[in-house]
Amino acid sequence: MPQGGGWIVSVSDAEIAEAMRLLYRTTHNVAEGAGAAALAALMQERATMQGKAVAVILSGGNIDTAWFKKVLAGGVLKV
């Protein structure tokens, strides 16, 4: 991680969809793609963050029911 604690991580649509599923499965919270992106980045950086105290902000539950159903079924949203 760069000095000062900030960094940018690029995540794929598939990684965001997996984060959305994980959030719903483990916390029963609904997150739209943008709301789950921070968790997707943390999941990608899992090895780097191992043993560190971390937090992500969960925001944005504004997702269409049909899209969310597709994600829960294992799909990936493409806009």
N, C-alpha and C. Protein backbone atom coordinates (compact mmCIF):
# COMPACT_ATOMS: atom_id res chain seq x y z
N MET A 1 0.84 -1.18 0.00
CA MET A 1 0.00 0.00 0.00
C MET A 1 0.88 1.23 0.00
N PRO A 2 0.55 2.22 -0.81
CA PRO A 2 1.36 3.44 -0.87
C PRO A 2 1.37 4.19 0.45
N GLN A 3 2.41 5.00 0.63
CA GLN A 3 2.51 5.85 1.81
C GLN A 3 1.27 6.73 1.90
N GLY A 4 0.71 6.89 3.07
CA GLY A 4 -0.48 7.71 3.23
C GLY A 4 -1.76 6.89 3.25
N GLY A 5 -1.69 5.61 2.91
CA GLY A 5 -2.83 4.72 3.05
C GLY A 5 -3.81 4.65 1.89
N GLY A 6 -3.61 5.41 0.83
CA GLY A 6 -4.57 5.36 -0.27
C GLY A 6 -4.05 4.58 -1.46
N TRP A 7 -4.94 3.92 -2.16
CA TRP A 7 -4.56 3.22 -3.37
C TRP A 7 -5.80 3.00 -4.22
N ILE A 8 -5.60 2.66 -5.47
CA ILE A 8 -6.70 2.41 -6.40
C ILE A 8 -6.60 0.96 -6.84
N VAL A 9 -7.73 0.27 -6.80
CA VAL A 9 -7.81 -1.11 -7.23
C VAL A 9 -8.88 -1.21 -8.31
N SER A 10 -8.57 -1.83 -9.41
CA SER A 10 -9.53 -2.05 -10.48
C SER A 10 -10.16 -3.44 -10.29
N VAL A 11 -11.49 -3.50 -10.32
CA VAL A 11 -12.18 -4.78 -10.15
C VAL A 11 -13.06 -5.06 -11.36
N SER A 12 -13.25 -6.31 -11.65
CA SER A 12 -14.06 -6.72 -12.80
C SER A 12 -15.54 -6.81 -12.42
N ASP A 13 -16.38 -6.89 -13.44
CA ASP A 13 -17.81 -7.08 -13.20
C ASP A 13 -18.06 -8.38 -12.44
N ALA A 14 -17.30 -9.42 -12.78
CA ALA A 14 -17.46 -10.71 -12.11
C ALA A 14 -17.08 -10.61 -10.63
N GLU A 15 -16.02 -9.86 -10.31
CA GLU A 15 -15.61 -9.69 -8.91
C GLU A 15 -16.65 -8.89 -8.13
N ILE A 16 -17.25 -7.89 -8.77
CA ILE A 16 -18.30 -7.12 -8.12
C ILE A 16 -19.52 -8.01 -7.87
N ALA A 17 -19.89 -8.81 -8.84
CA ALA A 17 -21.04 -9.71 -8.67
C ALA A 17 -20.78 -10.69 -7.52
N GLU A 18 -19.58 -11.20 -7.42
CA GLU A 18 -19.24 -12.12 -6.32
C GLU A 18 -19.33 -11.40 -4.97
N ALA A 19 -18.89 -10.16 -4.92
CA ALA A 19 -19.00 -9.38 -3.68
C ALA A 19 -20.47 -9.14 -3.32
N MET A 20 -21.31 -8.89 -4.30
CA MET A 20 -22.74 -8.71 -4.06
C MET A 20 -23.34 -9.98 -3.47
N ARG A 21 -22.96 -11.13 -4.02
CA ARG A 21 -23.46 -12.41 -3.51
C ARG A 21 -22.97 -12.66 -2.08
N LEU A 22 -21.69 -12.38 -1.85
CA LEU A 22 -21.12 -12.59 -0.51
C LEU A 22 -21.82 -11.72 0.53
N LEU A 23 -22.05 -10.46 0.19
CA LEU A 23 -22.75 -9.56 1.12
C LEU A 23 -24.13 -10.09 1.46
N TYR A 24 -24.86 -10.52 0.43
CA TYR A 24 -26.21 -11.02 0.67
C TYR A 24 -26.19 -12.31 1.47
N ARG A 25 -25.29 -13.21 1.11
CA ARG A 25 -25.21 -14.52 1.76
C ARG A 25 -24.80 -14.40 3.22
N THR A 26 -23.88 -13.51 3.53
CA THR A 26 -23.32 -13.45 4.89
C THR A 26 -23.96 -12.41 5.79
N THR A 27 -24.52 -11.34 5.20
CA THR A 27 -25.09 -10.28 6.04
C THR A 27 -26.56 -10.02 5.73
N HIS A 28 -27.07 -10.62 4.67
CA HIS A 28 -28.45 -10.42 4.22
C HIS A 28 -28.72 -8.97 3.83
N ASN A 29 -27.66 -8.27 3.41
CA ASN A 29 -27.79 -6.90 2.90
C ASN A 29 -27.73 -6.93 1.38
N VAL A 30 -28.53 -6.08 0.76
CA VAL A 30 -28.56 -5.95 -0.69
C VAL A 30 -27.67 -4.76 -1.07
N ALA A 31 -26.76 -4.99 -1.98
CA ALA A 31 -25.90 -3.91 -2.47
C ALA A 31 -25.92 -3.91 -3.99
N GLU A 32 -26.04 -2.73 -4.57
CA GLU A 32 -25.87 -2.61 -6.02
C GLU A 32 -24.39 -2.73 -6.32
N GLY A 33 -24.05 -2.79 -7.58
CA GLY A 33 -22.65 -2.98 -7.98
C GLY A 33 -21.70 -1.97 -7.39
N ALA A 34 -22.06 -0.69 -7.49
CA ALA A 34 -21.18 0.36 -6.96
C ALA A 34 -21.02 0.22 -5.45
N GLY A 35 -22.07 -0.23 -4.77
CA GLY A 35 -22.01 -0.39 -3.33
C GLY A 35 -21.15 -1.56 -2.90
N ALA A 36 -21.00 -2.55 -3.76
CA ALA A 36 -20.21 -3.73 -3.45
C ALA A 36 -18.78 -3.64 -3.97
N ALA A 37 -18.45 -2.59 -4.72
CA ALA A 37 -17.13 -2.48 -5.34
C ALA A 37 -16.00 -2.43 -4.31
N ALA A 38 -16.23 -1.76 -3.18
CA ALA A 38 -15.18 -1.68 -2.15
C ALA A 38 -14.87 -3.07 -1.59
N LEU A 39 -15.91 -3.88 -1.36
CA LEU A 39 -15.67 -5.24 -0.88
C LEU A 39 -14.97 -6.07 -1.95
N ALA A 40 -15.34 -5.89 -3.20
CA ALA A 40 -14.67 -6.61 -4.29
C ALA A 40 -13.17 -6.29 -4.30
N ALA A 41 -12.83 -5.02 -4.10
CA ALA A 41 -11.42 -4.62 -4.06
C ALA A 41 -10.71 -5.25 -2.86
N LEU A 42 -11.37 -5.26 -1.72
CA LEU A 42 -10.77 -5.88 -0.53
C LEU A 42 -10.57 -7.37 -0.74
N MET A 43 -11.54 -8.03 -1.36
CA MET A 43 -11.40 -9.46 -1.64
C MET A 43 -10.21 -9.71 -2.57
N GLN A 44 -10.01 -8.82 -3.54
CA GLN A 44 -8.89 -8.96 -4.46
C GLN A 44 -7.55 -8.77 -3.75
N GLU A 45 -7.53 -7.90 -2.76
CA GLU A 45 -6.31 -7.58 -2.02
C GLU A 45 -6.20 -8.38 -0.72
N ARG A 46 -6.91 -9.48 -0.63
CA ARG A 46 -6.98 -10.31 0.58
C ARG A 46 -5.61 -10.63 1.15
N ALA A 47 -4.69 -11.07 0.33
CA ALA A 47 -3.36 -11.45 0.82
C ALA A 47 -2.61 -10.25 1.40
N THR A 48 -2.71 -9.10 0.75
CA THR A 48 -2.05 -7.89 1.22
C THR A 48 -2.62 -7.42 2.55
N MET A 49 -3.91 -7.61 2.73
CA MET A 49 -4.60 -7.11 3.92
C MET A 49 -4.64 -8.13 5.06
N GLN A 50 -4.13 -9.33 4.83
CA GLN A 50 -4.15 -10.38 5.84
C GLN A 50 -3.56 -9.89 7.15
N GLY A 51 -4.29 -10.07 8.24
CA GLY A 51 -3.81 -9.70 9.57
C GLY A 51 -3.99 -8.24 9.92
N LYS A 52 -4.54 -7.44 9.01
CA LYS A 52 -4.75 -6.03 9.27
C LYS A 52 -6.22 -5.77 9.58
N ALA A 53 -6.47 -4.78 10.39
CA ALA A 53 -7.85 -4.36 10.64
C ALA A 53 -8.29 -3.50 9.46
N VAL A 54 -9.35 -3.91 8.81
CA VAL A 54 -9.85 -3.18 7.65
C VAL A 54 -11.36 -2.98 7.76
N ALA A 55 -11.86 -2.04 7.02
CA ALA A 55 -13.31 -1.80 6.96
C ALA A 55 -13.65 -1.32 5.56
N VAL A 56 -14.84 -1.65 5.13
CA VAL A 56 -15.36 -1.11 3.87
C VAL A 56 -16.74 -0.54 4.15
N ILE A 57 -17.11 0.46 3.39
CA ILE A 57 -18.42 1.07 3.53
C ILE A 57 -19.38 0.38 2.57
N LEU A 58 -20.48 -0.09 3.10
CA LEU A 58 -21.52 -0.71 2.28
C LEU A 58 -22.56 0.37 1.98
N SER A 59 -22.73 0.67 0.71
CA SER A 59 -23.69 1.69 0.32
C SER A 59 -24.41 1.24 -0.94
N GLY A 60 -25.52 1.87 -1.22
CA GLY A 60 -26.20 1.65 -2.49
C GLY A 60 -26.94 0.34 -2.60
N GLY A 61 -28.18 0.31 -2.15
CA GLY A 61 -29.01 -0.87 -2.28
C GLY A 61 -30.04 -0.71 -3.38
N ASN A 62 -29.81 0.21 -4.30
CA ASN A 62 -30.76 0.52 -5.35
C ASN A 62 -30.48 -0.33 -6.58
N ILE A 63 -30.94 -1.58 -6.55
CA ILE A 63 -30.73 -2.47 -7.69
C ILE A 63 -32.07 -3.06 -8.10
N ASP A 64 -32.27 -3.17 -9.38
CA ASP A 64 -33.48 -3.76 -9.93
C ASP A 64 -33.60 -5.22 -9.48
N THR A 65 -34.80 -5.61 -9.09
CA THR A 65 -35.02 -6.97 -8.58
C THR A 65 -34.60 -8.03 -9.58
N ALA A 66 -34.92 -7.85 -10.84
CA ALA A 66 -34.56 -8.84 -11.87
C ALA A 66 -33.04 -8.96 -12.01
N TRP A 67 -32.34 -7.83 -11.94
CA TRP A 67 -30.87 -7.87 -12.03
C TRP A 67 -30.29 -8.57 -10.82
N PHE A 68 -30.82 -8.25 -9.64
CA PHE A 68 -30.29 -8.86 -8.42
C PHE A 68 -30.53 -10.36 -8.43
N LYS A 69 -31.68 -10.78 -8.91
CA LYS A 69 -31.97 -12.21 -9.03
C LYS A 69 -30.95 -12.89 -9.94
N LYS A 70 -30.59 -12.23 -11.04
CA LYS A 70 -29.59 -12.78 -11.97
C LYS A 70 -28.23 -12.93 -11.28
N VAL A 71 -27.84 -11.92 -10.51
CA VAL A 71 -26.55 -11.96 -9.80
C VAL A 71 -26.56 -13.10 -8.78
N LEU A 72 -27.65 -13.20 -8.01
CA LEU A 72 -27.72 -14.27 -7.00
C LEU A 72 -27.66 -15.65 -7.62
N ALA A 73 -28.12 -15.76 -8.85
CA ALA A 73 -28.09 -17.04 -9.56
C ALA A 73 -26.72 -17.33 -10.18
N GLY A 74 -25.76 -16.42 -9.97
CA GLY A 74 -24.41 -16.65 -10.48
C GLY A 74 -24.05 -15.82 -11.69
N GLY A 75 -24.97 -14.99 -12.15
CA GLY A 75 -24.72 -14.16 -13.32
C GLY A 75 -23.87 -12.95 -13.02
N VAL A 76 -23.49 -12.27 -14.08
CA VAL A 76 -22.70 -11.05 -13.99
C VAL A 76 -23.46 -9.96 -14.75
N LEU A 77 -23.60 -8.81 -14.12
CA LEU A 77 -24.30 -7.70 -14.75
C LEU A 77 -23.41 -7.03 -15.78
N LYS A 78 -23.95 -6.79 -16.93
CA LYS A 78 -23.27 -6.05 -18.00
C LYS A 78 -24.15 -4.88 -18.37
N VAL A 79 -23.60 -3.69 -18.29
CA VAL A 79 -24.38 -2.50 -18.62
C VAL A 79 -23.95 -1.97 -19.97
